[in-house]
Amino acid sequence: MWQKKPLFYLPQSYDLLLNNIFARWQGKFEQCFCEAQAVGELSEQCDVKQLAFFFWIGWEEAVMRAKLQKSTEPLTAFF
């Protein structure tokens, strides 16, 4: 069975700090998606909260892979 293991070796006190930072950034994307809905650039059918979450975790994966591969290819592929 899969066990949660730390990916980073940072003090545990950083967990809340980093989660808050990620949540704020995700909130900024959610706000952008809401603005896009307001001007008709994004369907009203879209769940902006879910879309922001999906976008943010996808971007973080692309950044992590770019670092691991020492390449910009994952960032380019993301867009």
PDB file of N, CA and C in Angstrom:
ATOM      1  N   MET A   1       0.844  -1.187   0.000  1.00  0.00           N
ATOM      2  CA  MET A   1       0.000   0.000   0.000  1.00  0.00           C
ATOM      3  C   MET A   1       0.884   1.242   0.000  1.00  0.00           C
ATOM      4  N   TRP A   2       0.427   2.264  -0.693  1.00  0.00           N
ATOM      5  CA  TRP A   2       1.153   3.519  -0.792  1.00  0.00           C
ATOM      6  C   TRP A   2       1.161   4.232   0.547  1.00  0.00           C
ATOM      7  N   GLN A   3       2.333   4.699   0.935  1.00  0.00           N
ATOM      8  CA  GLN A   3       2.449   5.470   2.163  1.00  0.00           C
ATOM      9  C   GLN A   3       2.920   6.866   1.831  1.00  0.00           C
ATOM     10  N   LYS A   4       2.389   7.811   2.535  1.00  0.00           N
ATOM     11  CA  LYS A   4       2.788   9.199   2.333  1.00  0.00           C
ATOM     12  C   LYS A   4       4.194   9.394   2.879  1.00  0.00           C
ATOM     13  N   LYS A   5       5.093   9.796   1.994  1.00  0.00           N
ATOM     14  CA  LYS A   5       6.464  10.084   2.395  1.00  0.00           C
ATOM     15  C   LYS A   5       6.773  11.513   1.988  1.00  0.00           C
ATOM     16  N   PRO A   6       7.591  12.188   2.762  1.00  0.00           N
ATOM     17  CA  PRO A   6       7.887  13.583   2.425  1.00  0.00           C
ATOM     18  C   PRO A   6       8.650  13.681   1.112  1.00  0.00           C
ATOM     19  N   LEU A   7       8.213  14.587   0.268  1.00  0.00           N
ATOM     20  CA  LEU A   7       8.900  14.836  -0.992  1.00  0.00           C
ATOM     21  C   LEU A   7      10.062  15.788  -0.747  1.00  0.00           C
ATOM     22  N   PHE A   8       9.861  16.717   0.138  1.00  0.00           N
ATOM     23  CA  PHE A   8      10.873  17.705   0.460  1.00  0.00           C
ATOM     24  C   PHE A   8      11.299  17.517   1.904  1.00  0.00           C
ATOM     25  N   TYR A   9      12.501  17.856   2.181  1.00  0.00           N
ATOM     26  CA  TYR A   9      12.976  17.777   3.550  1.00  0.00           C
ATOM     27  C   TYR A   9      13.015  19.178   4.131  1.00  0.00           C
ATOM     28  N   LEU A  10      11.856  19.658   4.436  1.00  0.00           N
ATOM     29  CA  LEU A  10      11.671  20.977   5.032  1.00  0.00           C
ATOM     30  C   LEU A  10      11.040  20.788   6.404  1.00  0.00           C
ATOM     31  N   PRO A  11      11.228  21.753   7.274  1.00  0.00           N
ATOM     32  CA  PRO A  11      10.565  21.645   8.581  1.00  0.00           C
ATOM     33  C   PRO A  11       9.054  21.500   8.402  1.00  0.00           C
ATOM     34  N   GLN A  12       8.444  20.729   9.271  1.00  0.00           N
ATOM     35  CA  GLN A  12       7.003  20.484   9.186  1.00  0.00           C
ATOM     36  C   GLN A  12       6.210  21.786   9.262  1.00  0.00           C
ATOM     37  N   SER A  13       6.768  22.787   9.913  1.00  0.00           N
ATOM     38  CA  SER A  13       6.081  24.071  10.030  1.00  0.00           C
ATOM     39  C   SER A  13       5.883  24.741   8.668  1.00  0.00           C
ATOM     40  N   TYR A  14       6.628  24.319   7.670  1.00  0.00           N
ATOM     41  CA  TYR A  14       6.493  24.888   6.331  1.00  0.00           C
ATOM     42  C   TYR A  14       5.247  24.383   5.616  1.00  0.00           C
ATOM     43  N   ASP A  15       4.718  23.227   6.030  1.00  0.00           N
ATOM     44  CA  ASP A  15       3.555  22.651   5.359  1.00  0.00           C
ATOM     45  C   ASP A  15       2.409  23.645   5.241  1.00  0.00           C
ATOM     46  N   LEU A  16       2.026  24.221   6.354  1.00  0.00           N
ATOM     47  CA  LEU A  16       0.913  25.169   6.364  1.00  0.00           C
ATOM     48  C   LEU A  16       1.255  26.409   5.545  1.00  0.00           C
ATOM     49  N   LEU A  17       2.466  26.896   5.700  1.00  0.00           N
ATOM     50  CA  LEU A  17       2.903  28.084   4.955  1.00  0.00           C
ATOM     51  C   LEU A  17       2.830  27.837   3.449  1.00  0.00           C
ATOM     52  N   LEU A  18       3.383  26.730   2.988  1.00  0.00           N
ATOM     53  CA  LEU A  18       3.375  26.430   1.555  1.00  0.00           C
ATOM     54  C   LEU A  18       1.966  26.173   1.035  1.00  0.00           C
ATOM     55  N   ASN A  19       1.158  25.460   1.807  1.00  0.00           N
ATOM     56  CA  ASN A  19      -0.228  25.232   1.395  1.00  0.00           C
ATOM     57  C   ASN A  19      -0.989  26.543   1.264  1.00  0.00           C
ATOM     58  N   ASN A  20      -0.739  27.476   2.163  1.00  0.00           N
ATOM     59  CA  ASN A  20      -1.393  28.790   2.080  1.00  0.00           C
ATOM     60  C   ASN A  20      -0.939  29.564   0.850  1.00  0.00           C
ATOM     61  N   ILE A  21       0.331  29.480   0.546  1.00  0.00           N
ATOM     62  CA  ILE A  21       0.855  30.159  -0.655  1.00  0.00           C
ATOM     63  C   ILE A  21       0.210  29.569  -1.908  1.00  0.00           C
ATOM     64  N   PHE A  22       0.180  28.239  -1.995  1.00  0.00           N
ATOM     65  CA  PHE A  22      -0.443  27.588  -3.149  1.00  0.00           C
ATOM     66  C   PHE A  22      -1.923  27.943  -3.245  1.00  0.00           C
ATOM     67  N   ALA A  23      -2.599  27.989  -2.118  1.00  0.00           N
ATOM     68  CA  ALA A  23      -4.030  28.326  -2.117  1.00  0.00           C
ATOM     69  C   ALA A  23      -4.253  29.755  -2.612  1.00  0.00           C
ATOM     70  N   ARG A  24      -3.382  30.666  -2.218  1.00  0.00           N
ATOM     71  CA  ARG A  24      -3.522  32.061  -2.693  1.00  0.00           C
ATOM     72  C   ARG A  24      -3.313  32.136  -4.202  1.00  0.00           C
ATOM     73  N   TRP A  25      -2.303  31.454  -4.711  1.00  0.00           N
ATOM     74  CA  TRP A  25      -2.063  31.462  -6.153  1.00  0.00           C
ATOM     75  C   TRP A  25      -3.228  30.827  -6.895  1.00  0.00           C
ATOM     76  N   GLN A  26      -3.725  29.727  -6.371  1.00  0.00           N
ATOM     77  CA  GLN A  26      -4.880  29.077  -6.987  1.00  0.00           C
ATOM     78  C   GLN A  26      -6.071  30.024  -6.976  1.00  0.00           C
ATOM     79  N   GLY A  27      -6.246  30.768  -5.907  1.00  0.00           N
ATOM     80  CA  GLY A  27      -7.325  31.749  -5.816  1.00  0.00           C
ATOM     81  C   GLY A  27      -7.199  32.837  -6.862  1.00  0.00           C
ATOM     82  N   LYS A  28      -5.961  33.238  -7.163  1.00  0.00           N
ATOM     83  CA  LYS A  28      -5.745  34.250  -8.208  1.00  0.00           C
ATOM     84  C   LYS A  28      -6.191  33.722  -9.571  1.00  0.00           C
ATOM     85  N   PHE A  29      -5.888  32.456  -9.835  1.00  0.00           N
ATOM     86  CA  PHE A  29      -6.341  31.863 -11.097  1.00  0.00           C
ATOM     87  C   PHE A  29      -7.857  31.736 -11.122  1.00  0.00           C
ATOM     88  N   GLU A  30      -8.441  31.382 -10.005  1.00  0.00           N
ATOM     89  CA  GLU A  30      -9.901  31.291  -9.924  1.00  0.00           C
ATOM     90  C   GLU A  30     -10.527  32.650 -10.237  1.00  0.00           C
ATOM     91  N   GLN A  31      -9.946  33.703  -9.697  1.00  0.00           N
ATOM     92  CA  GLN A  31     -10.451  35.056  -9.960  1.00  0.00           C
ATOM     93  C   GLN A  31     -10.323  35.405 -11.443  1.00  0.00           C
ATOM     94  N   CYS A  32      -9.198  35.040 -12.050  1.00  0.00           N
ATOM     95  CA  CYS A  32      -9.020  35.294 -13.492  1.00  0.00           C
ATOM     96  C   CYS A  32     -10.067  34.553 -14.319  1.00  0.00           C
ATOM     97  N   PHE A  33     -10.341  33.309 -13.932  1.00  0.00           N
ATOM     98  CA  PHE A  33     -11.348  32.535 -14.655  1.00  0.00           C
ATOM     99  C   PHE A  33     -12.746  33.142 -14.467  1.00  0.00           C
ATOM    100  N   CYS A  34     -13.023  33.668 -13.288  1.00  0.00           N
ATOM    101  CA  CYS A  34     -14.310  34.353 -13.051  1.00  0.00           C
ATOM    102  C   CYS A  34     -14.431  35.585 -13.938  1.00  0.00           C
ATOM    103  N   GLU A  35     -13.354  36.334 -14.050  1.00  0.00           N
ATOM    104  CA  GLU A  35     -13.359  37.525 -14.912  1.00  0.00           C
ATOM    105  C   GLU A  35     -13.558  37.121 -16.373  1.00  0.00           C
ATOM    106  N   ALA A  36     -12.931  36.006 -16.771  1.00  0.00           N
ATOM    107  CA  ALA A  36     -13.106  35.523 -18.146  1.00  0.00           C
ATOM    108  C   ALA A  36     -14.559  35.125 -18.395  1.00  0.00           C
ATOM    109  N   GLN A  37     -15.219  34.537 -17.395  1.00  0.00           N
ATOM    110  CA  GLN A  37     -16.642  34.204 -17.533  1.00  0.00           C
ATOM    111  C   GLN A  37     -17.474  35.470 -17.675  1.00  0.00           C
ATOM    112  N   ALA A  38     -17.130  36.486 -16.894  1.00  0.00           N
ATOM    113  CA  ALA A  38     -17.908  37.730 -16.891  1.00  0.00           C
ATOM    114  C   ALA A  38     -17.893  38.422 -18.246  1.00  0.00           C
ATOM    115  N   VAL A  39     -16.817  38.273 -19.012  1.00  0.00           N
ATOM    116  CA  VAL A  39     -16.738  38.923 -20.323  1.00  0.00           C
ATOM    117  C   VAL A  39     -17.004  37.952 -21.470  1.00  0.00           C
ATOM    118  N   GLY A  40     -17.446  36.739 -21.122  1.00  0.00           N
ATOM    119  CA  GLY A  40     -17.829  35.778 -22.139  1.00  0.00           C
ATOM    120  C   GLY A  40     -16.686  35.015 -22.781  1.00  0.00           C
ATOM    121  N   GLU A  41     -15.483  35.069 -22.205  1.00  0.00           N
ATOM    122  CA  GLU A  41     -14.347  34.344 -22.767  1.00  0.00           C
ATOM    123  C   GLU A  41     -14.245  32.919 -22.241  1.00  0.00           C
ATOM    124  N   LEU A  42     -15.034  32.606 -21.220  1.00  0.00           N
ATOM    125  CA  LEU A  42     -15.056  31.274 -20.627  1.00  0.00           C
ATOM    126  C   LEU A  42     -16.506  30.927 -20.340  1.00  0.00           C
ATOM    127  N   SER A  43     -16.879  29.737 -20.691  1.00  0.00           N
ATOM    128  CA  SER A  43     -18.256  29.297 -20.510  1.00  0.00           C
ATOM    129  C   SER A  43     -18.709  29.408 -19.057  1.00  0.00           C
ATOM    130  N   GLU A  44     -19.960  29.813 -18.884  1.00  0.00           N
ATOM    131  CA  GLU A  44     -20.559  29.865 -17.544  1.00  0.00           C
ATOM    132  C   GLU A  44     -20.700  28.459 -16.957  1.00  0.00           C
ATOM    133  N   GLN A  45     -20.644  27.453 -17.814  1.00  0.00           N
ATOM    134  CA  GLN A  45     -20.752  26.056 -17.379  1.00  0.00           C
ATOM    135  C   GLN A  45     -19.516  25.590 -16.612  1.00  0.00           C
ATOM    136  N   CYS A  46     -18.389  26.277 -16.809  1.00  0.00           N
ATOM    137  CA  CYS A  46     -17.141  25.867 -16.169  1.00  0.00           C
ATOM    138  C   CYS A  46     -17.182  26.107 -14.664  1.00  0.00           C
ATOM    139  N   ASP A  47     -16.696  25.146 -13.930  1.00  0.00           N
ATOM    140  CA  ASP A  47     -16.522  25.267 -12.485  1.00  0.00           C
ATOM    141  C   ASP A  47     -15.156  25.912 -12.274  1.00  0.00           C
ATOM    142  N   VAL A  48     -15.142  27.217 -12.037  1.00  0.00           N
ATOM    143  CA  VAL A  48     -13.875  27.952 -11.980  1.00  0.00           C
ATOM    144  C   VAL A  48     -12.986  27.493 -10.827  1.00  0.00           C
ATOM    145  N   LYS A  49     -13.582  27.085  -9.744  1.00  0.00           N
ATOM    146  CA  LYS A  49     -12.792  26.590  -8.612  1.00  0.00           C
ATOM    147  C   LYS A  49     -12.056  25.307  -9.015  1.00  0.00           C
ATOM    148  N   GLN A  50     -12.766  24.395  -9.650  1.00  0.00           N
ATOM    149  CA  GLN A  50     -12.159  23.138 -10.102  1.00  0.00           C
ATOM    150  C   GLN A  50     -11.151  23.394 -11.214  1.00  0.00           C
ATOM    151  N   LEU A  51     -11.462  24.310 -12.113  1.00  0.00           N
ATOM    152  CA  LEU A  51     -10.550  24.638 -13.204  1.00  0.00           C
ATOM    153  C   LEU A  51      -9.246  25.226 -12.666  1.00  0.00           C
ATOM    154  N   ALA A  52      -9.339  26.098 -11.682  1.00  0.00           N
ATOM    155  CA  ALA A  52      -8.140  26.692 -11.080  1.00  0.00           C
ATOM    156  C   ALA A  52      -7.306  25.614 -10.389  1.00  0.00           C
ATOM    157  N   PHE A  53      -7.956  24.693  -9.693  1.00  0.00           N
ATOM    158  CA  PHE A  53      -7.250  23.594  -9.038  1.00  0.00           C
ATOM    159  C   PHE A  53      -6.528  22.744 -10.078  1.00  0.00           C
ATOM    160  N   PHE A  54      -7.240  22.373 -11.120  1.00  0.00           N
ATOM    161  CA  PHE A  54      -6.674  21.538 -12.179  1.00  0.00           C
ATOM    162  C   PHE A  54      -5.491  22.236 -12.846  1.00  0.00           C
ATOM    163  N   PHE A  55      -5.665  23.524 -13.166  1.00  0.00           N
ATOM    164  CA  PHE A  55      -4.595  24.288 -13.793  1.00  0.00           C
ATOM    165  C   PHE A  55      -3.375  24.336 -12.891  1.00  0.00           C
ATOM    166  N   TRP A  56      -3.583  24.637 -11.624  1.00  0.00           N
ATOM    167  CA  TRP A  56      -2.465  24.828 -10.702  1.00  0.00           C
ATOM    168  C   TRP A  56      -1.681  23.539 -10.490  1.00  0.00           C
ATOM    169  N   ILE A  57      -2.363  22.401 -10.297  1.00  0.00           N
ATOM    170  CA  ILE A  57      -1.609  21.157 -10.085  1.00  0.00           C
ATOM    171  C   ILE A  57      -0.891  20.736 -11.368  1.00  0.00           C
ATOM    172  N   GLY A  58      -1.484  21.036 -12.508  1.00  0.00           N
ATOM    173  CA  GLY A  58      -0.817  20.746 -13.779  1.00  0.00           C
ATOM    174  C   GLY A  58       0.439  21.575 -13.959  1.00  0.00           C
ATOM    175  N   TRP A  59       0.352  22.851 -13.614  1.00  0.00           N
ATOM    176  CA  TRP A  59       1.503  23.738 -13.734  1.00  0.00           C
ATOM    177  C   TRP A  59       2.622  23.298 -12.789  1.00  0.00           C
ATOM    178  N   GLU A  60       2.269  22.964 -11.566  1.00  0.00           N
ATOM    179  CA  GLU A  60       3.275  22.525 -10.596  1.00  0.00           C
ATOM    180  C   GLU A  60       3.981  21.264 -11.079  1.00  0.00           C
ATOM    181  N   GLU A  61       3.247  20.335 -11.675  1.00  0.00           N
ATOM    182  CA  GLU A  61       3.857  19.124 -12.234  1.00  0.00           C
ATOM    183  C   GLU A  61       4.814  19.483 -13.360  1.00  0.00           C
ATOM    184  N   ALA A  62       4.417  20.411 -14.224  1.00  0.00           N
ATOM    185  CA  ALA A  62       5.278  20.827 -15.330  1.00  0.00           C
ATOM    186  C   ALA A  62       6.563  21.457 -14.805  1.00  0.00           C
ATOM    187  N   VAL A  63       6.462  22.283 -13.779  1.00  0.00           N
ATOM    188  CA  VAL A  63       7.645  22.917 -13.190  1.00  0.00           C
ATOM    189  C   VAL A  63       8.564  21.851 -12.587  1.00  0.00           C
ATOM    190  N   MET A  64       7.979  20.910 -11.850  1.00  0.00           N
ATOM    191  CA  MET A  64       8.776  19.862 -11.226  1.00  0.00           C
ATOM    192  C   MET A  64       9.502  19.019 -12.283  1.00  0.00           C
ATOM    193  N   ARG A  65       8.803  18.647 -13.330  1.00  0.00           N
ATOM    194  CA  ARG A  65       9.437  17.858 -14.394  1.00  0.00           C
ATOM    195  C   ARG A  65      10.523  18.654 -15.111  1.00  0.00           C
ATOM    196  N   ALA A  66      10.293  19.935 -15.322  1.00  0.00           N
ATOM    197  CA  ALA A  66      11.305  20.769 -15.968  1.00  0.00           C
ATOM    198  C   ALA A  66      12.583  20.790 -15.132  1.00  0.00           C
ATOM    199  N   LYS A  67      12.424  20.883 -13.830  1.00  0.00           N
ATOM    200  CA  LYS A  67      13.597  20.865 -12.946  1.00  0.00           C
ATOM    201  C   LYS A  67      14.298  19.514 -13.000  1.00  0.00           C
ATOM    202  N   LEU A  68      13.530  18.430 -12.937  1.00  0.00           N
ATOM    203  CA  LEU A  68      14.119  17.093 -12.963  1.00  0.00           C
ATOM    204  C   LEU A  68      14.824  16.813 -14.288  1.00  0.00           C
ATOM    205  N   GLN A  69      14.213  17.248 -15.380  1.00  0.00           N
ATOM    206  CA  GLN A  69      14.760  16.981 -16.709  1.00  0.00           C
ATOM    207  C   GLN A  69      15.761  18.048 -17.155  1.00  0.00           C
ATOM    208  N   LYS A  70      15.838  19.134 -16.361  1.00  0.00           N
ATOM    209  CA  LYS A  70      16.694  20.267 -16.730  1.00  0.00           C
ATOM    210  C   LYS A  70      16.402  20.700 -18.167  1.00  0.00           C
ATOM    211  N   SER A  71      15.107  20.883 -18.405  1.00  0.00           N
ATOM    212  CA  SER A  71      14.613  21.206 -19.737  1.00  0.00           C
ATOM    213  C   SER A  71      13.346  22.049 -19.617  1.00  0.00           C
ATOM    214  N   THR A  72      13.120  22.899 -20.598  1.00  0.00           N
ATOM    215  CA  THR A  72      11.891  23.684 -20.631  1.00  0.00           C
ATOM    216  C   THR A  72      10.757  22.946 -21.357  1.00  0.00           C
ATOM    217  N   GLU A  73      11.044  21.765 -21.882  1.00  0.00           N
ATOM    218  CA  GLU A  73      10.042  21.013 -22.646  1.00  0.00           C
ATOM    219  C   GLU A  73       8.739  20.801 -21.881  1.00  0.00           C
ATOM    220  N   PRO A  74       8.762  20.397 -20.595  1.00  0.00           N
ATOM    221  CA  PRO A  74       7.482  20.220 -19.898  1.00  0.00           C
ATOM    222  C   PRO A  74       6.682  21.518 -19.774  1.00  0.00           C
ATOM    223  N   LEU A  75       7.364  22.649 -19.632  1.00  0.00           N
ATOM    224  CA  LEU A  75       6.664  23.928 -19.540  1.00  0.00           C
ATOM    225  C   LEU A  75       6.029  24.284 -20.877  1.00  0.00           C
ATOM    226  N   THR A  76       6.758  24.050 -21.945  1.00  0.00           N
ATOM    227  CA  THR A  76       6.230  24.311 -23.288  1.00  0.00           C
ATOM    228  C   THR A  76       5.049  23.399 -23.582  1.00  0.00           C
ATOM    229  N   ALA A  77       5.160  22.136 -23.193  1.00  0.00           N
ATOM    230  CA  ALA A  77       4.072  21.181 -23.438  1.00  0.00           C
ATOM    231  C   ALA A  77       2.829  21.547 -22.648  1.00  0.00           C
ATOM    232  N   PHE A  78       3.014  22.117 -21.471  1.00  0.00           N
ATOM    233  CA  PHE A  78       1.869  22.495 -20.639  1.00  0.00           C
ATOM    234  C   PHE A  78       1.001  23.513 -21.367  1.00  0.00           C
ATOM    235  N   PHE A  79       1.629  24.442 -22.067  1.00  0.00           N
ATOM    236  CA  PHE A  79       0.872  25.464 -22.784  1.00  0.00           C
ATOM    237  C   PHE A  79       0.622  25.023 -24.198  1.00  0.00           C
TER     238      PHE A  79
END
